[in-house]
């Protein structure tokens, strides 16, 4: 019984070490996503998008009635994420929808991904 208990503890310790290693490697190799202003003159270059791609994404984003683009980010080689805000939100602190657009078969489409961004104030 004592040998089995010792082997069990070693197995747990090794499993925990393996999980920590996987987590550390995963965090170290995670892709950094940079949020850019849609008015940035170098936006297309930074997002590695052609002018026609950005035009298509902008046209799709303009269909978000009552919202304007706040930030844009490239999530993957064929997916762009847009954070929206209200036009009268001067401080950009009221939150808003987040939408993703993906290029499929040469055309940009709105994906099923729908989220919201909010600002949490710490007092």
PDB file of N, CA and C in Angstrom:
ATOM      1  N   UNK A   1       0.827  -1.195   0.000  1.00  0.00           N
ATOM      2  CA  UNK A   1       0.000   0.000   0.000  1.00  0.00           C
ATOM      3  C   UNK A   1       0.867   1.252   0.000  1.00  0.00           C
ATOM      4  N   UNK A   2       1.963   1.243   0.753  1.00  0.00           N
ATOM      5  CA  UNK A   2       2.847   2.395   0.829  1.00  0.00           C
ATOM      6  C   UNK A   2       3.526   2.697  -0.492  1.00  0.00           C
ATOM      7  N   UNK A   3       3.905   1.663  -1.247  1.00  0.00           N
ATOM      8  CA  UNK A   3       4.550   1.841  -2.549  1.00  0.00           C
ATOM      9  C   UNK A   3       3.564   2.437  -3.542  1.00  0.00           C
ATOM     10  N   UNK A   4       2.328   1.935  -3.516  1.00  0.00           N
ATOM     11  CA  UNK A   4       1.295   2.450  -4.418  1.00  0.00           C
ATOM     12  C   UNK A   4       1.009   3.914  -4.137  1.00  0.00           C
ATOM     13  N   UNK A   5       0.977   4.298  -2.874  1.00  0.00           N
ATOM     14  CA  UNK A   5       0.721   5.681  -2.479  1.00  0.00           C
ATOM     15  C   UNK A   5       1.858   6.589  -2.930  1.00  0.00           C
ATOM     16  N   UNK A   6       3.096   6.133  -2.774  1.00  0.00           N
ATOM     17  CA  UNK A   6       4.258   6.908  -3.210  1.00  0.00           C
ATOM     18  C   UNK A   6       4.247   7.089  -4.727  1.00  0.00           C
ATOM     19  N   UNK A   7       3.934   6.025  -5.472  1.00  0.00           N
ATOM     20  CA  UNK A   7       3.868   6.121  -6.936  1.00  0.00           C
ATOM     21  C   UNK A   7       2.742   7.058  -7.368  1.00  0.00           C
ATOM     22  N   UNK A   8       1.644   7.021  -6.656  1.00  0.00           N
ATOM     23  CA  UNK A   8       0.510   7.916  -6.960  1.00  0.00           C
ATOM     24  C   UNK A   8       0.884   9.371  -6.773  1.00  0.00           C
ATOM     25  N   UNK A   9       1.623   9.672  -5.696  1.00  0.00           N
ATOM     26  CA  UNK A   9       2.048  11.048  -5.432  1.00  0.00           C
ATOM     27  C   UNK A   9       3.028  11.526  -6.509  1.00  0.00           C
ATOM     28  N   UNK A  10       3.939  10.616  -6.915  1.00  0.00           N
ATOM     29  CA  UNK A  10       4.891  10.980  -7.972  1.00  0.00           C
ATOM     30  C   UNK A  10       4.162  11.269  -9.286  1.00  0.00           C
ATOM     31  N   UNK A  11       3.154  10.447  -9.582  1.00  0.00           N
ATOM     32  CA  UNK A  11       2.390  10.629 -10.821  1.00  0.00           C
ATOM     33  C   UNK A  11       1.659  11.977 -10.810  1.00  0.00           C
ATOM     34  N   UNK A  12       1.084  12.313  -9.672  1.00  0.00           N
ATOM     35  CA  UNK A  12       0.381  13.597  -9.543  1.00  0.00           C
ATOM     36  C   UNK A  12       1.363  14.756  -9.703  1.00  0.00           C
ATOM     37  N   UNK A  13       2.519  14.639  -9.066  1.00  0.00           N
ATOM     38  CA  UNK A  13       3.534  15.704  -9.156  1.00  0.00           C
ATOM     39  C   UNK A  13       4.012  15.866 -10.597  1.00  0.00           C
ATOM     40  N   UNK A  14       4.249  14.764 -11.286  1.00  0.00           N
ATOM     41  CA  UNK A  14       4.698  14.843 -12.677  1.00  0.00           C
ATOM     42  C   UNK A  14       3.609  15.413 -13.578  1.00  0.00           C
ATOM     43  N   UNK A  15       2.371  15.008 -13.340  1.00  0.00           N
ATOM     44  CA  UNK A  15       1.260  15.529 -14.135  1.00  0.00           C
ATOM     45  C   UNK A  15       1.111  17.035 -13.940  1.00  0.00           C
ATOM     46  N   UNK A  16       1.229  17.477 -12.694  1.00  0.00           N
ATOM     47  CA  UNK A  16       1.124  18.910 -12.398  1.00  0.00           C
ATOM     48  C   UNK A  16       2.257  19.677 -13.076  1.00  0.00           C
ATOM     49  N   UNK A  17       3.467  19.127 -13.051  1.00  0.00           N
ATOM     50  CA  UNK A  17       4.607  19.770 -13.709  1.00  0.00           C
ATOM     51  C   UNK A  17       4.388  19.865 -15.214  1.00  0.00           C
ATOM     52  N   UNK A  18       3.866  18.812 -15.796  1.00  0.00           N
ATOM     53  CA  UNK A  18       3.608  18.803 -17.232  1.00  0.00           C
ATOM     54  C   UNK A  18       2.563  19.850 -17.610  1.00  0.00           C
ATOM     55  N   UNK A  19       1.505  19.938 -16.818  1.00  0.00           N
ATOM     56  CA  UNK A  19       0.451  20.929 -17.082  1.00  0.00           C
ATOM     57  C   UNK A  19       1.021  22.343 -16.989  1.00  0.00           C
ATOM     58  N   UNK A  20       1.837  22.617 -15.983  1.00  0.00           N
ATOM     59  CA  UNK A  20       2.445  23.941 -15.843  1.00  0.00           C
ATOM     60  C   UNK A  20       3.348  24.269 -17.028  1.00  0.00           C
ATOM     61  N   UNK A  21       4.120  23.286 -17.484  1.00  0.00           N
ATOM     62  CA  UNK A  21       4.997  23.508 -18.642  1.00  0.00           C
ATOM     63  C   UNK A  21       4.186  23.846 -19.885  1.00  0.00           C
ATOM     64  N   UNK A  22       3.114  23.112 -20.100  1.00  0.00           N
ATOM     65  CA  UNK A  22       2.256  23.365 -21.266  1.00  0.00           C
ATOM     66  C   UNK A  22       1.654  24.756 -21.182  1.00  0.00           C
ATOM     67  N   UNK A  23       1.194  25.143 -20.001  1.00  0.00           N
ATOM     68  CA  UNK A  23       0.629  26.477 -19.836  1.00  0.00           C
ATOM     69  C   UNK A  23       1.660  27.562 -20.076  1.00  0.00           C
ATOM     70  N   UNK A  24       2.852  27.397 -19.554  1.00  0.00           N
ATOM     71  CA  UNK A  24       3.898  28.397 -19.742  1.00  0.00           C
ATOM     72  C   UNK A  24       4.298  28.527 -21.207  1.00  0.00           C
ATOM     73  N   UNK A  25       4.447  27.419 -21.891  1.00  0.00           N
ATOM     74  CA  UNK A  25       4.803  27.454 -23.317  1.00  0.00           C
ATOM     75  C   UNK A  25       3.679  28.096 -24.110  1.00  0.00           C
ATOM     76  N   UNK A  26       2.441  27.770 -23.773  1.00  0.00           N
ATOM     77  CA  UNK A  26       1.294  28.360 -24.458  1.00  0.00           C
ATOM     78  C   UNK A  26       1.242  29.859 -24.287  1.00  0.00           C
ATOM     79  N   UNK A  27       1.498  30.333 -23.086  1.00  0.00           N
ATOM     80  CA  UNK A  27       1.492  31.772 -22.828  1.00  0.00           C
ATOM     81  C   UNK A  27       2.665  32.471 -23.517  1.00  0.00           C
ATOM     82  N   UNK A  28       3.791  31.811 -23.556  1.00  0.00           N
ATOM     83  CA  UNK A  28       4.983  32.420 -24.149  1.00  0.00           C
ATOM     84  C   UNK A  28       4.867  32.541 -25.657  1.00  0.00           C
ATOM     85  N   UNK A  29       4.109  31.662 -26.280  1.00  0.00           N
ATOM     86  CA  UNK A  29       3.996  31.685 -27.737  1.00  0.00           C
ATOM     87  C   UNK A  29       2.685  32.293 -28.210  1.00  0.00           C
ATOM     88  N   UNK A  30       1.899  32.852 -27.304  1.00  0.00           N
ATOM     89  CA  UNK A  30       0.619  33.449 -27.682  1.00  0.00           C
ATOM     90  C   UNK A  30       0.838  34.633 -28.616  1.00  0.00           C
ATOM     91  N   UNK A  31      -0.056  34.786 -29.567  1.00  0.00           N
ATOM     92  CA  UNK A  31       0.021  35.879 -30.516  1.00  0.00           C
ATOM     93  C   UNK A  31      -0.475  37.169 -29.868  1.00  0.00           C
ATOM     94  N   UNK A  32       0.271  38.226 -30.063  1.00  0.00           N
ATOM     95  CA  UNK A  32      -0.113  39.525 -29.534  1.00  0.00           C
ATOM     96  C   UNK A  32      -1.059  40.196 -30.527  1.00  0.00           C
ATOM     97  N   UNK A  33      -2.220  40.599 -30.046  1.00  0.00           N
ATOM     98  CA  UNK A  33      -3.204  41.270 -30.886  1.00  0.00           C
ATOM     99  C   UNK A  33      -3.145  42.758 -30.567  1.00  0.00           C
ATOM    100  N   UNK A  34      -2.905  43.568 -31.582  1.00  0.00           N
ATOM    101  CA  UNK A  34      -2.773  45.011 -31.412  1.00  0.00           C
ATOM    102  C   UNK A  34      -4.038  45.687 -31.925  1.00  0.00           C
ATOM    103  N   UNK A  35      -4.640  46.501 -31.058  1.00  0.00           N
ATOM    104  CA  UNK A  35      -5.832  47.253 -31.434  1.00  0.00           C
ATOM    105  C   UNK A  35      -5.395  48.574 -32.063  1.00  0.00           C
ATOM    106  N   UNK A  36      -5.891  48.854 -33.250  1.00  0.00           N
ATOM    107  CA  UNK A  36      -5.505  50.052 -33.990  1.00  0.00           C
ATOM    108  C   UNK A  36      -6.700  50.960 -34.215  1.00  0.00           C
ATOM    109  N   UNK A  37      -6.442  52.241 -34.322  1.00  0.00           N
ATOM    110  CA  UNK A  37      -7.490  53.202 -34.650  1.00  0.00           C
ATOM    111  C   UNK A  37      -7.835  53.070 -36.135  1.00  0.00           C
ATOM    112  N   UNK A  38      -9.124  53.098 -36.470  1.00  0.00           N
ATOM    113  CA  UNK A  38      -9.494  53.016 -37.887  1.00  0.00           C
ATOM    114  C   UNK A  38      -9.051  54.232 -38.693  1.00  0.00           C
ATOM    115  N   UNK A  39      -8.637  55.308 -38.010  1.00  0.00           N
ATOM    116  CA  UNK A  39      -8.161  56.501 -38.710  1.00  0.00           C
ATOM    117  C   UNK A  39      -6.645  56.528 -38.862  1.00  0.00           C
ATOM    118  N   UNK A  40      -5.962  55.492 -38.386  1.00  0.00           N
ATOM    119  CA  UNK A  40      -4.507  55.398 -38.506  1.00  0.00           C
ATOM    120  C   UNK A  40      -4.135  55.363 -39.993  1.00  0.00           C
ATOM    121  N   UNK A  41      -3.304  56.303 -40.466  1.00  0.00           N
ATOM    122  CA  UNK A  41      -2.940  56.324 -41.883  1.00  0.00           C
ATOM    123  C   UNK A  41      -2.225  55.048 -42.351  1.00  0.00           C
ATOM    124  N   UNK A  42      -1.586  54.352 -41.432  1.00  0.00           N
ATOM    125  CA  UNK A  42      -0.865  53.125 -41.787  1.00  0.00           C
ATOM    126  C   UNK A  42      -1.660  51.864 -41.442  1.00  0.00           C
ATOM    127  N   UNK A  43      -2.959  52.015 -41.231  1.00  0.00           N
ATOM    128  CA  UNK A  43      -3.795  50.894 -40.805  1.00  0.00           C
ATOM    129  C   UNK A  43      -3.705  49.694 -41.741  1.00  0.00           C
ATOM    130  N   UNK A  44      -3.863  49.912 -43.026  1.00  0.00           N
ATOM    131  CA  UNK A  44      -3.838  48.804 -43.986  1.00  0.00           C
ATOM    132  C   UNK A  44      -2.493  48.094 -43.980  1.00  0.00           C
ATOM    133  N   UNK A  45      -1.422  48.872 -43.856  1.00  0.00           N
ATOM    134  CA  UNK A  45      -0.083  48.283 -43.805  1.00  0.00           C
ATOM    135  C   UNK A  45       0.086  47.458 -42.539  1.00  0.00           C
ATOM    136  N   UNK A  46      -0.316  48.022 -41.394  1.00  0.00           N
ATOM    137  CA  UNK A  46      -0.172  47.326 -40.117  1.00  0.00           C
ATOM    138  C   UNK A  46      -1.020  46.061 -40.057  1.00  0.00           C
ATOM    139  N   UNK A  47      -2.205  46.098 -40.676  1.00  0.00           N
ATOM    140  CA  UNK A  47      -3.083  44.928 -40.690  1.00  0.00           C
ATOM    141  C   UNK A  47      -2.769  43.980 -41.848  1.00  0.00           C
ATOM    142  N   UNK A  48      -1.853  44.402 -42.706  1.00  0.00           N
ATOM    143  CA  UNK A  48      -1.476  43.626 -43.890  1.00  0.00           C
ATOM    144  C   UNK A  48      -2.702  43.331 -44.761  1.00  0.00           C
ATOM    145  N   UNK A  49      -3.481  44.402 -45.027  1.00  0.00           N
ATOM    146  CA  UNK A  49      -4.680  44.293 -45.844  1.00  0.00           C
ATOM    147  C   UNK A  49      -4.527  45.097 -47.123  1.00  0.00           C
ATOM    148  N   UNK A  50      -5.085  44.601 -48.190  1.00  0.00           N
ATOM    149  CA  UNK A  50      -5.151  45.354 -49.444  1.00  0.00           C
ATOM    150  C   UNK A  50      -6.241  46.423 -49.308  1.00  0.00           C
ATOM    151  N   UNK A  51      -6.136  47.455 -50.115  1.00  0.00           N
ATOM    152  CA  UNK A  51      -7.118  48.541 -50.076  1.00  0.00           C
ATOM    153  C   UNK A  51      -8.540  48.014 -50.284  1.00  0.00           C
ATOM    154  N   UNK A  52      -8.713  47.090 -51.209  1.00  0.00           N
ATOM    155  CA  UNK A  52     -10.054  46.548 -51.487  1.00  0.00           C
ATOM    156  C   UNK A  52     -10.585  45.736 -50.297  1.00  0.00           C
ATOM    157  N   UNK A  53      -9.677  45.052 -49.565  1.00  0.00           N
ATOM    158  CA  UNK A  53     -10.101  44.311 -48.369  1.00  0.00           C
ATOM    159  C   UNK A  53     -10.607  45.278 -47.297  1.00  0.00           C
ATOM    160  N   UNK A  54      -9.845  46.346 -47.052  1.00  0.00           N
ATOM    161  CA  UNK A  54     -10.257  47.326 -46.046  1.00  0.00           C
ATOM    162  C   UNK A  54     -11.567  47.992 -46.456  1.00  0.00           C
ATOM    163  N   UNK A  55     -11.739  48.274 -47.728  1.00  0.00           N
ATOM    164  CA  UNK A  55     -12.978  48.882 -48.220  1.00  0.00           C
ATOM    165  C   UNK A  55     -14.164  47.948 -47.934  1.00  0.00           C
ATOM    166  N   UNK A  56     -13.988  46.654 -48.190  1.00  0.00           N
ATOM    167  CA  UNK A  56     -15.063  45.682 -47.940  1.00  0.00           C
ATOM    168  C   UNK A  56     -15.406  45.595 -46.461  1.00  0.00           C
ATOM    169  N   UNK A  57     -14.376  45.547 -45.616  1.00  0.00           N
ATOM    170  CA  UNK A  57     -14.609  45.483 -44.166  1.00  0.00           C
ATOM    171  C   UNK A  57     -15.317  46.752 -43.698  1.00  0.00           C
ATOM    172  N   UNK A  58     -14.888  47.900 -44.179  1.00  0.00           N
ATOM    173  CA  UNK A  58     -15.503  49.180 -43.798  1.00  0.00           C
ATOM    174  C   UNK A  58     -16.971  49.229 -44.205  1.00  0.00           C
ATOM    175  N   UNK A  59     -17.266  48.727 -45.389  1.00  0.00           N
ATOM    176  CA  UNK A  59     -18.656  48.717 -45.852  1.00  0.00           C
ATOM    177  C   UNK A  59     -19.514  47.812 -44.976  1.00  0.00           C
ATOM    178  N   UNK A  60     -18.993  46.651 -44.621  1.00  0.00           N
ATOM    179  CA  UNK A  60     -19.735  45.749 -43.731  1.00  0.00           C
ATOM    180  C   UNK A  60     -19.918  46.383 -42.356  1.00  0.00           C
ATOM    181  N   UNK A  61     -18.866  47.010 -41.838  1.00  0.00           N
ATOM    182  CA  UNK A  61     -18.931  47.632 -40.514  1.00  0.00           C
ATOM    183  C   UNK A  61     -19.915  48.801 -40.486  1.00  0.00           C
ATOM    184  N   UNK A  62     -20.071  49.483 -41.597  1.00  0.00           N
ATOM    185  CA  UNK A  62     -20.996  50.625 -41.653  1.00  0.00           C
ATOM    186  C   UNK A  62     -22.455  50.191 -41.500  1.00  0.00           C
ATOM    187  N   UNK A  63     -22.721  48.910 -41.618  1.00  0.00           N
ATOM    188  CA  UNK A  63     -24.092  48.394 -41.451  1.00  0.00           C
ATOM    189  C   UNK A  63     -24.485  48.288 -39.978  1.00  0.00           C
ATOM    190  N   UNK A  64     -23.538  48.498 -39.072  1.00  0.00           N
ATOM    191  CA  UNK A  64     -23.832  48.506 -37.629  1.00  0.00           C
ATOM    192  C   UNK A  64     -24.480  49.855 -37.309  1.00  0.00           C
ATOM    193  N   UNK A  65     -25.764  49.937 -37.486  1.00  0.00           N
ATOM    194  CA  UNK A  65     -26.516  51.179 -37.343  1.00  0.00           C
ATOM    195  C   UNK A  65     -26.372  51.769 -35.944  1.00  0.00           C
ATOM    196  N   UNK A  66     -26.020  53.049 -35.893  1.00  0.00           N
ATOM    197  CA  UNK A  66     -25.884  53.755 -34.626  1.00  0.00           C
ATOM    198  C   UNK A  66     -24.529  53.595 -33.964  1.00  0.00           C
ATOM    199  N   UNK A  67     -23.587  52.961 -34.647  1.00  0.00           N
ATOM    200  CA  UNK A  67     -22.255  52.720 -34.095  1.00  0.00           C
ATOM    201  C   UNK A  67     -21.187  53.177 -35.080  1.00  0.00           C
ATOM    202  N   UNK A  68     -20.024  53.540 -34.555  1.00  0.00           N
ATOM    203  CA  UNK A  68     -18.862  53.866 -35.377  1.00  0.00           C
ATOM    204  C   UNK A  68     -17.689  53.015 -34.905  1.00  0.00           C
ATOM    205  N   UNK A  69     -16.727  52.789 -35.789  1.00  0.00           N
ATOM    206  CA  UNK A  69     -15.563  51.984 -35.425  1.00  0.00           C
ATOM    207  C   UNK A  69     -14.690  52.708 -34.405  1.00  0.00           C
ATOM    208  N   UNK A  70     -14.282  51.980 -33.386  1.00  0.00           N
ATOM    209  CA  UNK A  70     -13.378  52.510 -32.367  1.00  0.00           C
ATOM    210  C   UNK A  70     -11.983  51.923 -32.549  1.00  0.00           C
ATOM    211  N   UNK A  71     -11.893  50.592 -32.609  1.00  0.00           N
ATOM    212  CA  UNK A  71     -10.618  49.896 -32.785  1.00  0.00           C
ATOM    213  C   UNK A  71     -10.771  48.783 -33.807  1.00  0.00           C
ATOM    214  N   UNK A  72      -9.660  48.462 -34.445  1.00  0.00           N
ATOM    215  CA  UNK A  72      -9.608  47.373 -35.417  1.00  0.00           C
ATOM    216  C   UNK A  72      -8.389  46.519 -35.086  1.00  0.00           C
ATOM    217  N   UNK A  73      -8.536  45.195 -35.187  1.00  0.00           N
ATOM    218  CA  UNK A  73      -7.420  44.289 -34.922  1.00  0.00           C
ATOM    219  C   UNK A  73      -7.482  43.111 -35.879  1.00  0.00           C
ATOM    220  N   UNK A  74      -6.310  42.631 -36.257  1.00  0.00           N
ATOM    221  CA  UNK A  74      -6.233  41.432 -37.088  1.00  0.00           C
ATOM    222  C   UNK A  74      -6.085  40.239 -36.157  1.00  0.00           C
ATOM    223  N   UNK A  75      -7.067  39.360 -36.169  1.00  0.00           N
ATOM    224  CA  UNK A  75      -7.096  38.206 -35.275  1.00  0.00           C
ATOM    225  C   UNK A  75      -6.324  37.039 -35.893  1.00  0.00           C
ATOM    226  N   UNK A  76      -6.461  36.887 -37.198  1.00  0.00           N
ATOM    227  CA  UNK A  76      -5.718  35.852 -37.930  1.00  0.00           C
ATOM    228  C   UNK A  76      -5.526  36.353 -39.357  1.00  0.00           C
ATOM    229  N   UNK A  77      -4.925  35.549 -40.193  1.00  0.00           N
ATOM    230  CA  UNK A  77      -4.632  35.998 -41.558  1.00  0.00           C
ATOM    231  C   UNK A  77      -5.894  36.346 -42.344  1.00  0.00           C
ATOM    232  N   UNK A  78      -7.039  35.775 -41.959  1.00  0.00           N
ATOM    233  CA  UNK A  78      -8.280  36.044 -42.702  1.00  0.00           C
ATOM    234  C   UNK A  78      -9.411  36.562 -41.819  1.00  0.00           C
ATOM    235  N   UNK A  79      -9.086  37.038 -40.606  1.00  0.00           N
ATOM    236  CA  UNK A  79     -10.125  37.524 -39.692  1.00  0.00           C
ATOM    237  C   UNK A  79      -9.725  38.857 -39.069  1.00  0.00           C
ATOM    238  N   UNK A  80     -10.650  39.818 -39.136  1.00  0.00           N
ATOM    239  CA  UNK A  80     -10.444  41.148 -38.560  1.00  0.00           C
ATOM    240  C   UNK A  80     -11.560  41.401 -37.549  1.00  0.00           C
ATOM    241  N   UNK A  81     -11.175  41.935 -36.388  1.00  0.00           N
ATOM    242  CA  UNK A  81     -12.142  42.245 -35.332  1.00  0.00           C
ATOM    243  C   UNK A  81     -12.297  43.754 -35.232  1.00  0.00           C
ATOM    244  N   UNK A  82     -13.546  44.212 -35.089  1.00  0.00           N
ATOM    245  CA  UNK A  82     -13.833  45.639 -34.974  1.00  0.00           C
ATOM    246  C   UNK A  82     -14.620  45.893 -33.684  1.00  0.00           C
ATOM    247  N   UNK A  83     -14.134  46.852 -32.889  1.00  0.00           N
ATOM    248  CA  UNK A  83     -14.840  47.306 -31.692  1.00  0.00           C
ATOM    249  C   UNK A  83     -15.556  48.598 -32.066  1.00  0.00           C
ATOM    250  N   UNK A  84     -16.819  48.694 -31.702  1.00  0.00           N
ATOM    251  CA  UNK A  84     -17.628  49.861 -32.041  1.00  0.00           C
ATOM    252  C   UNK A  84     -17.962  50.674 -30.793  1.00  0.00           C
ATOM    253  N   UNK A  85     -18.293  51.944 -31.015  1.00  0.00           N
ATOM    254  CA  UNK A  85     -18.770  52.822 -29.948  1.00  0.00           C
ATOM    255  C   UNK A  85     -19.854  53.724 -30.526  1.00  0.00           C
ATOM    256  N   UNK A  86     -20.583  54.384 -29.665  1.00  0.00           N
ATOM    257  CA  UNK A  86     -21.589  55.363 -30.100  1.00  0.00           C
ATOM    258  C   UNK A  86     -20.877  56.606 -30.623  1.00  0.00           C
ATOM    259  N   UNK A  87     -21.421  57.259 -31.630  1.00  0.00           N
ATOM    260  CA  UNK A  87     -20.769  58.466 -32.165  1.00  0.00           C
ATOM    261  C   UNK A  87     -20.601  59.583 -31.136  1.00  0.00           C
ATOM    262  N   UNK A  88     -21.502  59.660 -30.162  1.00  0.00           N
ATOM    263  CA  UNK A  88     -21.421  60.734 -29.166  1.00  0.00           C
ATOM    264  C   UNK A  88     -20.641  60.332 -27.919  1.00  0.00           C
ATOM    265  N   UNK A  89     -20.007  59.163 -27.915  1.00  0.00           N
ATOM    266  CA  UNK A  89     -19.203  58.690 -26.782  1.00  0.00           C
ATOM    267  C   UNK A  89     -17.791  59.270 -26.902  1.00  0.00           C
ATOM    268  N   UNK A  90     -17.627  60.513 -26.459  1.00  0.00           N
ATOM    269  CA  UNK A  90     -16.353  61.226 -26.630  1.00  0.00           C
ATOM    270  C   UNK A  90     -15.200  60.599 -25.840  1.00  0.00           C
ATOM    271  N   UNK A  91     -15.484  59.981 -24.703  1.00  0.00           N
ATOM    272  CA  UNK A  91     -14.433  59.381 -23.881  1.00  0.00           C
ATOM    273  C   UNK A  91     -14.201  57.905 -24.212  1.00  0.00           C
ATOM    274  N   UNK A  92     -15.006  57.373 -25.102  1.00  0.00           N
ATOM    275  CA  UNK A  92     -14.924  55.949 -25.472  1.00  0.00           C
ATOM    276  C   UNK A  92     -14.972  55.060 -24.235  1.00  0.00           C
ATOM    277  N   UNK A  93     -15.944  55.351 -23.351  1.00  0.00           N
ATOM    278  CA  UNK A  93     -16.032  54.588 -22.110  1.00  0.00           C
ATOM    279  C   UNK A  93     -17.421  53.989 -21.868  1.00  0.00           C
ATOM    280  N   UNK A  94     -18.273  54.005 -22.899  1.00  0.00           N
ATOM    281  CA  UNK A  94     -19.643  53.524 -22.715  1.00  0.00           C
ATOM    282  C   UNK A  94     -19.846  52.093 -23.209  1.00  0.00           C
ATOM    283  N   UNK A  95     -18.827  51.494 -23.777  1.00  0.00           N
ATOM    284  CA  UNK A  95     -18.947  50.123 -24.271  1.00  0.00           C
ATOM    285  C   UNK A  95     -19.628  50.063 -25.623  1.00  0.00           C
ATOM    286  N   UNK A  96     -19.651  48.863 -26.174  1.00  0.00           N
ATOM    287  CA  UNK A  96     -20.292  48.678 -27.466  1.00  0.00           C
ATOM    288  C   UNK A  96     -20.041  47.278 -28.006  1.00  0.00           C
ATOM    289  N   UNK A  97     -20.567  47.008 -29.176  1.00  0.00           N
ATOM    290  CA  UNK A  97     -20.429  45.672 -29.763  1.00  0.00           C
ATOM    291  C   UNK A  97     -19.037  45.416 -30.344  1.00  0.00           C
ATOM    292  N   UNK A  98     -18.708  44.146 -30.443  1.00  0.00           N
ATOM    293  CA  UNK A  98     -17.477  43.690 -31.087  1.00  0.00           C
ATOM    294  C   UNK A  98     -17.912  42.708 -32.170  1.00  0.00           C
ATOM    295  N   UNK A  99     -17.441  42.924 -33.382  1.00  0.00           N
ATOM    296  CA  UNK A  99     -17.796  42.042 -34.493  1.00  0.00           C
ATOM    297  C   UNK A  99     -16.524  41.555 -35.178  1.00  0.00           C
ATOM    298  N   UNK A 100     -16.599  40.370 -35.769  1.00  0.00           N
ATOM    299  CA  UNK A 100     -15.486  39.816 -36.535  1.00  0.00           C
ATOM    300  C   UNK A 100     -15.919  39.603 -37.979  1.00  0.00           C
ATOM    301  N   UNK A 101     -14.994  39.940 -38.867  1.00  0.00           N
ATOM    302  CA  UNK A 101     -15.211  39.782 -40.306  1.00  0.00           C
ATOM    303  C   UNK A 101     -14.150  38.824 -40.825  1.00  0.00           C
ATOM    304  N   UNK A 102     -14.583  37.896 -41.666  1.00  0.00           N
ATOM    305  CA  UNK A 102     -13.670  36.869 -42.156  1.00  0.00           C
ATOM    306  C   UNK A 102     -13.744  36.794 -43.678  1.00  0.00           C
ATOM    307  N   UNK A 103     -12.574  36.569 -44.277  1.00  0.00           N
ATOM    308  CA  UNK A 103     -12.500  36.442 -45.730  1.00  0.00           C
ATOM    309  C   UNK A 103     -12.662  34.971 -46.104  1.00  0.00           C
ATOM    310  N   UNK A 104     -13.708  34.692 -46.886  1.00  0.00           N
ATOM    311  CA  UNK A 104     -13.977  33.334 -47.358  1.00  0.00           C
ATOM    312  C   UNK A 104     -14.238  33.390 -48.853  1.00  0.00           C
ATOM    313  N   UNK A 105     -13.537  32.555 -49.573  1.00  0.00           N
ATOM    314  CA  UNK A 105     -13.699  32.480 -51.031  1.00  0.00           C
ATOM    315  C   UNK A 105     -13.565  33.854 -51.691  1.00  0.00           C
ATOM    316  N   UNK A 106     -12.646  34.681 -51.172  1.00  0.00           N
ATOM    317  CA  UNK A 106     -12.361  35.975 -51.778  1.00  0.00           C
ATOM    318  C   UNK A 106     -13.259  37.116 -51.337  1.00  0.00           C
ATOM    319  N   UNK A 107     -14.259  36.847 -50.470  1.00  0.00           N
ATOM    320  CA  UNK A 107     -15.177  37.900 -50.007  1.00  0.00           C
ATOM    321  C   UNK A 107     -15.156  37.995 -48.489  1.00  0.00           C
ATOM    322  N   UNK A 108     -15.299  39.216 -47.981  1.00  0.00           N
ATOM    323  CA  UNK A 108     -15.367  39.438 -46.545  1.00  0.00           C
ATOM    324  C   UNK A 108     -16.802  39.303 -46.079  1.00  0.00           C
ATOM    325  N   UNK A 109     -16.998  38.568 -44.972  1.00  0.00           N
ATOM    326  CA  UNK A 109     -18.323  38.311 -44.418  1.00  0.00           C
ATOM    327  C   UNK A 109     -18.322  38.565 -42.918  1.00  0.00           C
ATOM    328  N   UNK A 110     -19.490  38.949 -42.388  1.00  0.00           N
ATOM    329  CA  UNK A 110     -19.674  39.064 -40.945  1.00  0.00           C
ATOM    330  C   UNK A 110     -19.789  37.649 -40.384  1.00  0.00           C
ATOM    331  N   UNK A 111     -19.007  37.337 -39.339  1.00  0.00           N
ATOM    332  CA  UNK A 111     -19.049  35.995 -38.752  1.00  0.00           C
ATOM    333  C   UNK A 111     -20.159  35.916 -37.700  1.00  0.00           C
ATOM    334  N   UNK A 112     -20.323  34.739 -37.123  1.00  0.00           N
ATOM    335  CA  UNK A 112     -21.306  34.535 -36.057  1.00  0.00           C
ATOM    336  C   UNK A 112     -20.813  35.069 -34.716  1.00  0.00           C
ATOM    337  N   UNK A 113     -19.549  35.489 -34.642  1.00  0.00           N
ATOM    338  CA  UNK A 113     -18.970  35.981 -33.396  1.00  0.00           C
ATOM    339  C   UNK A 113     -19.590  37.330 -33.041  1.00  0.00           C
ATOM    340  N   UNK A 114     -20.213  37.401 -31.881  1.00  0.00           N
ATOM    341  CA  UNK A 114     -20.775  38.656 -31.386  1.00  0.00           C
ATOM    342  C   UNK A 114     -20.396  38.790 -29.922  1.00  0.00           C
ATOM    343  N   UNK A 115     -19.833  39.936 -29.572  1.00  0.00           N
ATOM    344  CA  UNK A 115     -19.402  40.178 -28.201  1.00  0.00           C
ATOM    345  C   UNK A 115     -19.630  41.648 -27.874  1.00  0.00           C
ATOM    346  N   UNK A 116     -19.343  42.013 -26.652  1.00  0.00           N
ATOM    347  CA  UNK A 116     -19.458  43.397 -26.194  1.00  0.00           C
ATOM    348  C   UNK A 116     -18.189  43.768 -25.447  1.00  0.00           C
ATOM    349  N   UNK A 117     -17.773  45.010 -25.537  1.00  0.00           N
ATOM    350  CA  UNK A 117     -16.668  45.504 -24.728  1.00  0.00           C
ATOM    351  C   UNK A 117     -17.247  46.499 -23.732  1.00  0.00           C
ATOM    352  N   UNK A 118     -16.672  46.536 -22.551  1.00  0.00           N
ATOM    353  CA  UNK A 118     -17.113  47.460 -21.503  1.00  0.00           C
ATOM    354  C   UNK A 118     -15.894  48.014 -20.785  1.00  0.00           C
ATOM    355  N   UNK A 119     -16.097  49.101 -20.104  1.00  0.00           N
ATOM    356  CA  UNK A 119     -15.036  49.704 -19.278  1.00  0.00           C
ATOM    357  C   UNK A 119     -15.427  49.465 -17.828  1.00  0.00           C
ATOM    358  N   UNK A 120     -14.513  48.904 -17.063  1.00  0.00           N
ATOM    359  CA  UNK A 120     -14.761  48.677 -15.635  1.00  0.00           C
ATOM    360  C   UNK A 120     -14.003  49.758 -14.853  1.00  0.00           C
ATOM    361  N   UNK A 121     -14.748  50.533 -14.116  1.00  0.00           N
ATOM    362  CA  UNK A 121     -14.138  51.586 -13.306  1.00  0.00           C
ATOM    363  C   UNK A 121     -13.825  51.053 -11.924  1.00  0.00           C
ATOM    364  N   UNK A 122     -12.633  51.322 -11.450  1.00  0.00           N
ATOM    365  CA  UNK A 122     -12.215  50.911 -10.117  1.00  0.00           C
ATOM    366  C   UNK A 122     -12.175  52.162  -9.253  1.00  0.00           C
ATOM    367  N   UNK A 123     -12.924  52.130  -8.192  1.00  0.00           N
ATOM    368  CA  UNK A 123     -12.990  53.318  -7.312  1.00  0.00           C
ATOM    369  C   UNK A 123     -12.326  53.000  -5.998  1.00  0.00           C
TER     370      UNK A 123
END
